Amino acid sequence: MQHDERQLFEIARDFPWYHFTAEQISILCNVGEHKVRLARNAKDTPFRLNLCRPEQFAAWMLAHPEYQDLKSAPADITESAEACAASVKQTLRSRAARASKKTLKTKQKRVPAES
């Protein structure tokens, strides 16, 4: 079953045992699918049975600067990689919270008025 971005963030927040595919990891971590594919094919990959958690992927990327895009990266790559790992955790919390608020608003609109 295909999940949209909002659903992926909710699943990542609510179900810590759920593992994601490479395509879903690229959406959750805001990384290109090519970078995720390189990480998946590495010898010490965080992917097990082609599935991974976003936190594991972010930690692996921190430990492997050779897989990071140095052309577009700032001068101090370690600070930006650490900030990226922190933003993954923050994004998982904030987007899922925002998504649940939107869900509540749409449910309230759908409730028919009593006569």
C-alpha atoms as a PDB file:
ATOM      1  CA  MET A   1       0.000   0.000   0.000  1.00  0.00           C
ATOM      2  CA  GLN A   2       1.278   3.455  -0.912  1.00  0.00           C
ATOM      3  CA  HIS A   3       1.457   6.047   1.846  1.00  0.00           C
ATOM      4  CA  ASP A   4       1.570   9.792   1.382  1.00  0.00           C
ATOM      5  CA  GLU A   5       4.156  11.932   3.165  1.00  0.00           C
ATOM      6  CA  ARG A   6       1.888  12.761   6.088  1.00  0.00           C
ATOM      7  CA  GLN A   7       1.104   9.118   6.731  1.00  0.00           C
ATOM      8  CA  LEU A   8       4.799   8.196   6.594  1.00  0.00           C
ATOM      9  CA  PHE A   9       5.646  10.750   9.287  1.00  0.00           C
ATOM     10  CA  GLU A  10       2.798   9.520  11.474  1.00  0.00           C
ATOM     11  CA  ILE A  11       3.906   5.908  11.082  1.00  0.00           C
ATOM     12  CA  ALA A  12       7.523   6.801  11.894  1.00  0.00           C
ATOM     13  CA  ARG A  13       6.427   8.671  15.010  1.00  0.00           C
ATOM     14  CA  ASP A  14       3.827   6.236  16.311  1.00  0.00           C
ATOM     15  CA  PHE A  15       5.375   2.877  15.437  1.00  0.00           C
ATOM     16  CA  PRO A  16       9.111   2.700  16.346  1.00  0.00           C
ATOM     17  CA  TRP A  17       9.301  -0.928  15.193  1.00  0.00           C
ATOM     18  CA  TYR A  18       8.140  -0.166  11.653  1.00  0.00           C
ATOM     19  CA  HIS A  19      10.876  -0.170   9.007  1.00  0.00           C
ATOM     20  CA  PHE A  20      10.676   1.690   5.707  1.00  0.00           C
ATOM     21  CA  THR A  21      11.743   1.002   2.118  1.00  0.00           C
ATOM     22  CA  ALA A  22      14.468   3.015   0.383  1.00  0.00           C
ATOM     23  CA  GLU A  23      11.892   5.143  -1.434  1.00  0.00           C
ATOM     24  CA  GLN A  24      10.121   5.976   1.822  1.00  0.00           C
ATOM     25  CA  ILE A  25      13.447   6.751   3.555  1.00  0.00           C
ATOM     26  CA  SER A  26      14.267   9.241   0.798  1.00  0.00           C
ATOM     27  CA  ILE A  27      10.956  11.008   1.484  1.00  0.00           C
ATOM     28  CA  LEU A  28      11.324  10.944   5.274  1.00  0.00           C
ATOM     29  CA  CYS A  29      14.966  12.095   5.317  1.00  0.00           C
ATOM     30  CA  ASN A  30      14.653  14.475   2.349  1.00  0.00           C
ATOM     31  CA  VAL A  31      17.515  12.760   0.520  1.00  0.00           C
ATOM     32  CA  GLY A  32      17.666  11.719  -3.111  1.00  0.00           C
ATOM     33  CA  GLU A  33      16.857   8.130  -3.966  1.00  0.00           C
ATOM     34  CA  HIS A  34      20.329   7.750  -5.496  1.00  0.00           C
ATOM     35  CA  LYS A  35      21.993   8.522  -2.146  1.00  0.00           C
ATOM     36  CA  VAL A  36      19.709   6.060  -0.388  1.00  0.00           C
ATOM     37  CA  ARG A  37      20.513   3.427  -3.000  1.00  0.00           C
ATOM     38  CA  LEU A  38      24.253   3.986  -2.454  1.00  0.00           C
ATOM     39  CA  ALA A  39      23.764   3.556   1.279  1.00  0.00           C
ATOM     40  CA  ARG A  40      21.680   0.447   0.747  1.00  0.00           C
ATOM     41  CA  ASN A  41      24.417  -1.135  -1.393  1.00  0.00           C
ATOM     42  CA  ALA A  42      27.275  -0.329   1.005  1.00  0.00           C
ATOM     43  CA  LYS A  43      28.965  -3.121   2.980  1.00  0.00           C
ATOM     44  CA  ASP A  44      27.881  -1.840   6.410  1.00  0.00           C
ATOM     45  CA  THR A  45      24.445  -0.702   5.298  1.00  0.00           C
ATOM     46  CA  PRO A  46      21.768   0.270   7.842  1.00  0.00           C
ATOM     47  CA  PHE A  47      19.206  -1.560   5.667  1.00  0.00           C
ATOM     48  CA  ARG A  48      18.210  -5.053   6.733  1.00  0.00           C
ATOM     49  CA  LEU A  49      16.133  -6.995   4.210  1.00  0.00           C
ATOM     50  CA  ASN A  50      15.960  -3.704   2.234  1.00  0.00           C
ATOM     51  CA  LEU A  51      14.192  -1.949   5.136  1.00  0.00           C
ATOM     52  CA  CYS A  52      15.466   0.718   7.548  1.00  0.00           C
ATOM     53  CA  ARG A  53      14.412   3.331  10.119  1.00  0.00           C
ATOM     54  CA  PRO A  54      15.019   7.052   9.378  1.00  0.00           C
ATOM     55  CA  GLU A  55      17.016   7.423  12.610  1.00  0.00           C
ATOM     56  CA  GLN A  56      19.310   4.550  11.611  1.00  0.00           C
ATOM     57  CA  PHE A  57      19.800   6.025   8.143  1.00  0.00           C
ATOM     58  CA  ALA A  58      20.625   9.488   9.539  1.00  0.00           C
ATOM     59  CA  ALA A  59      23.128   7.995  12.011  1.00  0.00           C
ATOM     60  CA  TRP A  60      24.743   5.989   9.217  1.00  0.00           C
ATOM     61  CA  MET A  61      25.041   9.093   7.012  1.00  0.00           C
ATOM     62  CA  LEU A  62      26.731  10.942   9.895  1.00  0.00           C
ATOM     63  CA  ALA A  63      29.308   8.179  10.161  1.00  0.00           C
ATOM     64  CA  HIS A  64      29.965   8.066   6.398  1.00  0.00           C
ATOM     65  CA  PRO A  65      30.825  11.519   5.026  1.00  0.00           C
ATOM     66  CA  GLU A  66      32.017   9.967   1.742  1.00  0.00           C
ATOM     67  CA  TYR A  67      28.360   9.356   0.830  1.00  0.00           C
ATOM     68  CA  GLN A  68      27.365  12.970   1.440  1.00  0.00           C
ATOM     69  CA  ASP A  69      27.221  15.525  -1.357  1.00  0.00           C
ATOM     70  CA  LEU A  70      30.261  17.697  -0.678  1.00  0.00           C
ATOM     71  CA  LYS A  71      29.739  20.032  -3.660  1.00  0.00           C
ATOM     72  CA  SER A  72      26.594  21.593  -2.257  1.00  0.00           C
ATOM     73  CA  ALA A  73      27.480  21.077   1.408  1.00  0.00           C
ATOM     74  CA  PRO A  74      28.694  23.862   3.698  1.00  0.00           C
ATOM     75  CA  ALA A  75      32.370  24.068   4.668  1.00  0.00           C
ATOM     76  CA  ASP A  76      31.873  22.232   7.970  1.00  0.00           C
ATOM     77  CA  ILE A  77      30.127  19.020   6.920  1.00  0.00           C
ATOM     78  CA  THR A  78      30.019  17.502  10.417  1.00  0.00           C
ATOM     79  CA  GLU A  79      27.885  20.335  11.793  1.00  0.00           C
ATOM     80  CA  SER A  80      25.462  20.154   8.881  1.00  0.00           C
ATOM     81  CA  ALA A  81      25.226  16.352   9.142  1.00  0.00           C
ATOM     82  CA  GLU A  82      24.508  16.581  12.879  1.00  0.00           C
ATOM     83  CA  ALA A  83      21.925  19.270  12.203  1.00  0.00           C
ATOM     84  CA  CYS A  84      20.364  17.004   9.578  1.00  0.00           C
ATOM     85  CA  ALA A  85      20.135  14.127  12.050  1.00  0.00           C
ATOM     86  CA  ALA A  86      18.538  16.415  14.635  1.00  0.00           C
ATOM     87  CA  SER A  87      16.113  17.784  12.059  1.00  0.00           C
ATOM     88  CA  VAL A  88      14.980  14.245  11.178  1.00  0.00           C
ATOM     89  CA  LYS A  89      13.854  13.738  14.774  1.00  0.00           C
ATOM     90  CA  GLN A  90      12.274  17.205  14.928  1.00  0.00           C
ATOM     91  CA  THR A  91      10.565  16.765  11.568  1.00  0.00           C
ATOM     92  CA  LEU A  92       9.100  13.432  12.599  1.00  0.00           C
ATOM     93  CA  ARG A  93       7.572  15.101  15.656  1.00  0.00           C
ATOM     94  CA  SER A  94       6.372  18.346  14.059  1.00  0.00           C
ATOM     95  CA  ARG A  95       4.979  17.055  10.761  1.00  0.00           C
ATOM     96  CA  ALA A  96       3.043  14.280  12.422  1.00  0.00           C
ATOM     97  CA  ALA A  97       1.610  16.783  14.914  1.00  0.00           C
ATOM     98  CA  ARG A  98       0.634  19.135  12.097  1.00  0.00           C
ATOM     99  CA  ALA A  99      -0.873  16.249  10.162  1.00  0.00           C
ATOM    100  CA  SER A 100      -2.979  15.152  13.114  1.00  0.00           C
ATOM    101  CA  LYS A 101      -4.296  18.721  13.505  1.00  0.00           C
ATOM    102  CA  LYS A 102      -5.289  18.761   9.834  1.00  0.00           C
ATOM    103  CA  THR A 103      -6.980  15.394  10.234  1.00  0.00           C
ATOM    104  CA  LEU A 104      -8.993  16.686  13.179  1.00  0.00           C
ATOM    105  CA  LYS A 105     -10.077  19.767  11.224  1.00  0.00           C
ATOM    106  CA  THR A 106     -11.235  17.713   8.258  1.00  0.00           C
ATOM    107  CA  LYS A 107     -13.100  15.288  10.521  1.00  0.00           C
ATOM    108  CA  GLN A 108     -14.860  18.211  12.195  1.00  0.00           C
ATOM    109  CA  LYS A 109     -15.946  19.569   8.823  1.00  0.00           C
ATOM    110  CA  ARG A 110     -17.353  16.192   7.790  1.00  0.00           C
ATOM    111  CA  VAL A 111     -19.548  15.757  10.881  1.00  0.00           C
ATOM    112  CA  PRO A 112     -23.126  16.544   9.815  1.00  0.00           C
ATOM    113  CA  ALA A 113     -24.972  19.139  11.817  1.00  0.00           C
ATOM    114  CA  GLU A 114     -27.775  17.830  14.004  1.00  0.00           C
ATOM    115  CA  SER A 115     -31.258  19.104  13.177  1.00  0.00           C
END
